[in-house]
Amino acid sequence: MCAISFLNVSIFALAGEMKDANSTGSKQNRIEIKDFAFNPQTLTVKSGETVTWINRDEEPHTVVSVGKKFKKSTALDTDQEFTITAGAPGTYTYFCSVHPKMTGTIVVEK
């Protein structure tokens, strides 16, 4: 695992679905990874808003888009973060590749 205590990863667009995390967007939305679950499990955001996952577990976790709609995170150690900026409207499901039963959904609205 990585010895870095804080990780903020920018995501680049894949097939126009998600934008770089440095794009304009005012609202910050957080998803906490705790007790082997994403909380909230479903998050609704507007296109252009950022979404940040933060790992509060002692075990590493990842964030991987089903269908590769956005770039996957590296393994996140305790208190590490991963951020994307929501792109095109739609429903994006994701999971932890280390613990595939951990799933979540982001709904992006205009």
C-alpha atoms as a PDB file:
ATOM      1  CA  MET A   1       0.000   0.000   0.000  1.00  0.00           C
ATOM      2  CA  CYS A   2       0.994   3.552  -0.512  1.00  0.00           C
ATOM      3  CA  ALA A   3       2.627   5.431   2.359  1.00  0.00           C
ATOM      4  CA  ILE A   4       1.073   8.728   1.328  1.00  0.00           C
ATOM      5  CA  SER A   5      -1.260  10.090   3.995  1.00  0.00           C
ATOM      6  CA  PHE A   6      -3.427  12.088   1.587  1.00  0.00           C
ATOM      7  CA  LEU A   7      -4.294  11.437  -2.034  1.00  0.00           C
ATOM      8  CA  ASN A   8      -6.394  13.618  -4.288  1.00  0.00           C
ATOM      9  CA  VAL A   9      -6.585  12.202  -7.784  1.00  0.00           C
ATOM     10  CA  SER A  10      -7.939  14.130 -10.755  1.00  0.00           C
ATOM     11  CA  ILE A  11      -9.917  12.206 -13.327  1.00  0.00           C
ATOM     12  CA  PHE A  12      -9.838  12.824 -17.049  1.00  0.00           C
ATOM     13  CA  ALA A  13     -12.780  12.304 -19.382  1.00  0.00           C
ATOM     14  CA  LEU A  14     -13.387   8.885 -20.857  1.00  0.00           C
ATOM     15  CA  ALA A  15     -15.915   8.874 -23.691  1.00  0.00           C
ATOM     16  CA  GLY A  16     -17.090  12.297 -22.525  1.00  0.00           C
ATOM     17  CA  GLU A  17     -18.769  10.889 -19.425  1.00  0.00           C
ATOM     18  CA  MET A  18     -16.774  12.484 -16.595  1.00  0.00           C
ATOM     19  CA  LYS A  19     -14.624  15.630 -16.622  1.00  0.00           C
ATOM     20  CA  ASP A  20     -11.317  16.548 -15.011  1.00  0.00           C
ATOM     21  CA  ALA A  21     -11.728  17.348 -11.325  1.00  0.00           C
ATOM     22  CA  ASN A  22     -10.286  20.825 -11.924  1.00  0.00           C
ATOM     23  CA  SER A  23     -13.279  21.845 -14.062  1.00  0.00           C
ATOM     24  CA  THR A  24     -15.640  24.485 -12.770  1.00  0.00           C
ATOM     25  CA  GLY A  25     -18.162  23.227 -10.276  1.00  0.00           C
ATOM     26  CA  SER A  26     -19.142  24.804  -7.016  1.00  0.00           C
ATOM     27  CA  LYS A  27     -20.705  22.079  -4.889  1.00  0.00           C
ATOM     28  CA  GLN A  28     -18.618  19.416  -3.151  1.00  0.00           C
ATOM     29  CA  ASN A  29     -20.292  16.051  -2.513  1.00  0.00           C
ATOM     30  CA  ARG A  30     -18.680  13.458  -0.236  1.00  0.00           C
ATOM     31  CA  ILE A  31     -19.061   9.701  -0.119  1.00  0.00           C
ATOM     32  CA  GLU A  32     -17.616   8.106   2.991  1.00  0.00           C
ATOM     33  CA  ILE A  33     -16.192   4.601   2.792  1.00  0.00           C
ATOM     34  CA  LYS A  34     -16.776   3.039   6.187  1.00  0.00           C
ATOM     35  CA  ASP A  35     -17.634  -0.413   7.528  1.00  0.00           C
ATOM     36  CA  PHE A  36     -17.115  -1.859   4.036  1.00  0.00           C
ATOM     37  CA  ALA A  37     -19.834   0.335   2.486  1.00  0.00           C
ATOM     38  CA  PHE A  38     -20.184   3.528   0.452  1.00  0.00           C
ATOM     39  CA  ASN A  39     -22.288   6.089   2.334  1.00  0.00           C
ATOM     40  CA  PRO A  40     -24.498   7.370   0.884  1.00  0.00           C
ATOM     41  CA  GLN A  41     -24.911   4.403  -1.428  1.00  0.00           C
ATOM     42  CA  THR A  42     -26.675   6.613  -4.002  1.00  0.00           C
ATOM     43  CA  LEU A  43     -25.732  10.254  -4.537  1.00  0.00           C
ATOM     44  CA  THR A  44     -27.459  12.697  -6.897  1.00  0.00           C
ATOM     45  CA  VAL A  45     -25.358  15.585  -8.205  1.00  0.00           C
ATOM     46  CA  LYS A  46     -25.516  18.173 -10.954  1.00  0.00           C
ATOM     47  CA  SER A  47     -23.192  18.069 -13.940  1.00  0.00           C
ATOM     48  CA  GLY A  48     -20.033  20.005 -13.054  1.00  0.00           C
ATOM     49  CA  GLU A  49     -20.133  19.250  -9.325  1.00  0.00           C
ATOM     50  CA  THR A  50     -17.290  17.331  -7.722  1.00  0.00           C
ATOM     51  CA  VAL A  51     -17.677  13.999  -5.951  1.00  0.00           C
ATOM     52  CA  THR A  52     -15.080  12.946  -3.374  1.00  0.00           C
ATOM     53  CA  TRP A  53     -14.758   9.530  -1.765  1.00  0.00           C
ATOM     54  CA  ILE A  54     -12.848   9.324   1.517  1.00  0.00           C
ATOM     55  CA  ASN A  55     -11.791   6.027   3.059  1.00  0.00           C
ATOM     56  CA  ARG A  56     -12.544   5.835   6.796  1.00  0.00           C
ATOM     57  CA  ASP A  57     -11.857   2.095   7.053  1.00  0.00           C
ATOM     58  CA  GLU A  58      -8.589   0.537   8.182  1.00  0.00           C
ATOM     59  CA  GLU A  59      -8.631  -1.605   5.023  1.00  0.00           C
ATOM     60  CA  PRO A  60      -7.756  -0.263   1.550  1.00  0.00           C
ATOM     61  CA  HIS A  61     -10.602   0.336  -0.920  1.00  0.00           C
ATOM     62  CA  THR A  62     -10.915   1.413  -4.547  1.00  0.00           C
ATOM     63  CA  VAL A  63     -13.538   3.206  -6.633  1.00  0.00           C
ATOM     64  CA  VAL A  64     -14.084   1.562 -10.034  1.00  0.00           C
ATOM     65  CA  SER A  65     -16.763   2.579 -12.536  1.00  0.00           C
ATOM     66  CA  VAL A  66     -18.881  -0.175 -14.053  1.00  0.00           C
ATOM     67  CA  GLY A  67     -18.411   0.222 -17.801  1.00  0.00           C
ATOM     68  CA  LYS A  68     -15.311   2.402 -17.299  1.00  0.00           C
ATOM     69  CA  LYS A  69     -17.327   5.648 -17.318  1.00  0.00           C
ATOM     70  CA  PHE A  70     -14.561   7.312 -15.282  1.00  0.00           C
ATOM     71  CA  LYS A  71     -10.973   6.427 -14.404  1.00  0.00           C
ATOM     72  CA  LYS A  72     -10.589   4.124 -11.414  1.00  0.00           C
ATOM     73  CA  SER A  73      -8.899   5.190  -8.206  1.00  0.00           C
ATOM     74  CA  THR A  74      -5.725   3.750  -6.827  1.00  0.00           C
ATOM     75  CA  ALA A  75      -6.048   1.767  -3.581  1.00  0.00           C
ATOM     76  CA  LEU A  76      -7.112   4.272  -0.932  1.00  0.00           C
ATOM     77  CA  ASP A  77      -5.626   3.822   2.509  1.00  0.00           C
ATOM     78  CA  THR A  78      -7.248   5.250   5.654  1.00  0.00           C
ATOM     79  CA  ASP A  79      -8.226   8.926   5.236  1.00  0.00           C
ATOM     80  CA  GLN A  80      -7.138   9.069   1.594  1.00  0.00           C
ATOM     81  CA  GLU A  81      -9.458  10.742  -0.929  1.00  0.00           C
ATOM     82  CA  PHE A  82     -10.389  10.329  -4.590  1.00  0.00           C
ATOM     83  CA  THR A  83     -12.227  13.082  -6.505  1.00  0.00           C
ATOM     84  CA  ILE A  84     -13.989  13.317  -9.854  1.00  0.00           C
ATOM     85  CA  THR A  85     -16.134  15.991 -11.466  1.00  0.00           C
ATOM     86  CA  ALA A  86     -19.512  14.842 -12.759  1.00  0.00           C
ATOM     87  CA  GLY A  87     -19.860  15.160 -16.517  1.00  0.00           C
ATOM     88  CA  ALA A  88     -22.727  14.124 -18.746  1.00  0.00           C
ATOM     89  CA  PRO A  89     -26.114  13.439 -17.129  1.00  0.00           C
ATOM     90  CA  GLY A  90     -26.768   9.758 -16.457  1.00  0.00           C
ATOM     91  CA  THR A  91     -26.493   7.027 -13.854  1.00  0.00           C
ATOM     92  CA  TYR A  92     -23.034   5.759 -12.974  1.00  0.00           C
ATOM     93  CA  THR A  93     -22.540   2.641 -10.886  1.00  0.00           C
ATOM     94  CA  TYR A  94     -19.248   1.828  -9.206  1.00  0.00           C
ATOM     95  CA  PHE A  95     -17.697  -0.758  -6.880  1.00  0.00           C
ATOM     96  CA  CYS A  96     -14.600  -1.539  -4.835  1.00  0.00           C
ATOM     97  CA  SER A  97     -12.334  -3.896  -6.789  1.00  0.00           C
ATOM     98  CA  VAL A  98     -10.839  -5.192  -3.516  1.00  0.00           C
ATOM     99  CA  HIS A  99     -14.321  -5.922  -2.093  1.00  0.00           C
ATOM    100  CA  PRO A 100     -16.668  -6.274  -5.125  1.00  0.00           C
ATOM    101  CA  LYS A 101     -19.820  -6.552  -3.001  1.00  0.00           C
ATOM    102  CA  MET A 102     -19.313  -2.891  -2.082  1.00  0.00           C
ATOM    103  CA  THR A 103     -21.300  -0.904  -4.666  1.00  0.00           C
ATOM    104  CA  GLY A 104     -22.664   2.580  -5.142  1.00  0.00           C
ATOM    105  CA  THR A 105     -24.407   4.817  -7.667  1.00  0.00           C
ATOM    106  CA  ILE A 106     -23.990   8.413  -8.773  1.00  0.00           C
ATOM    107  CA  VAL A 107     -26.926  10.035 -10.571  1.00  0.00           C
ATOM    108  CA  VAL A 108     -25.834  13.074 -12.583  1.00  0.00           C
ATOM    109  CA  GLU A 109     -28.516  15.621 -13.490  1.00  0.00           C
ATOM    110  CA  LYS A 110     -28.320  18.707 -15.712  1.00  0.00           C
END
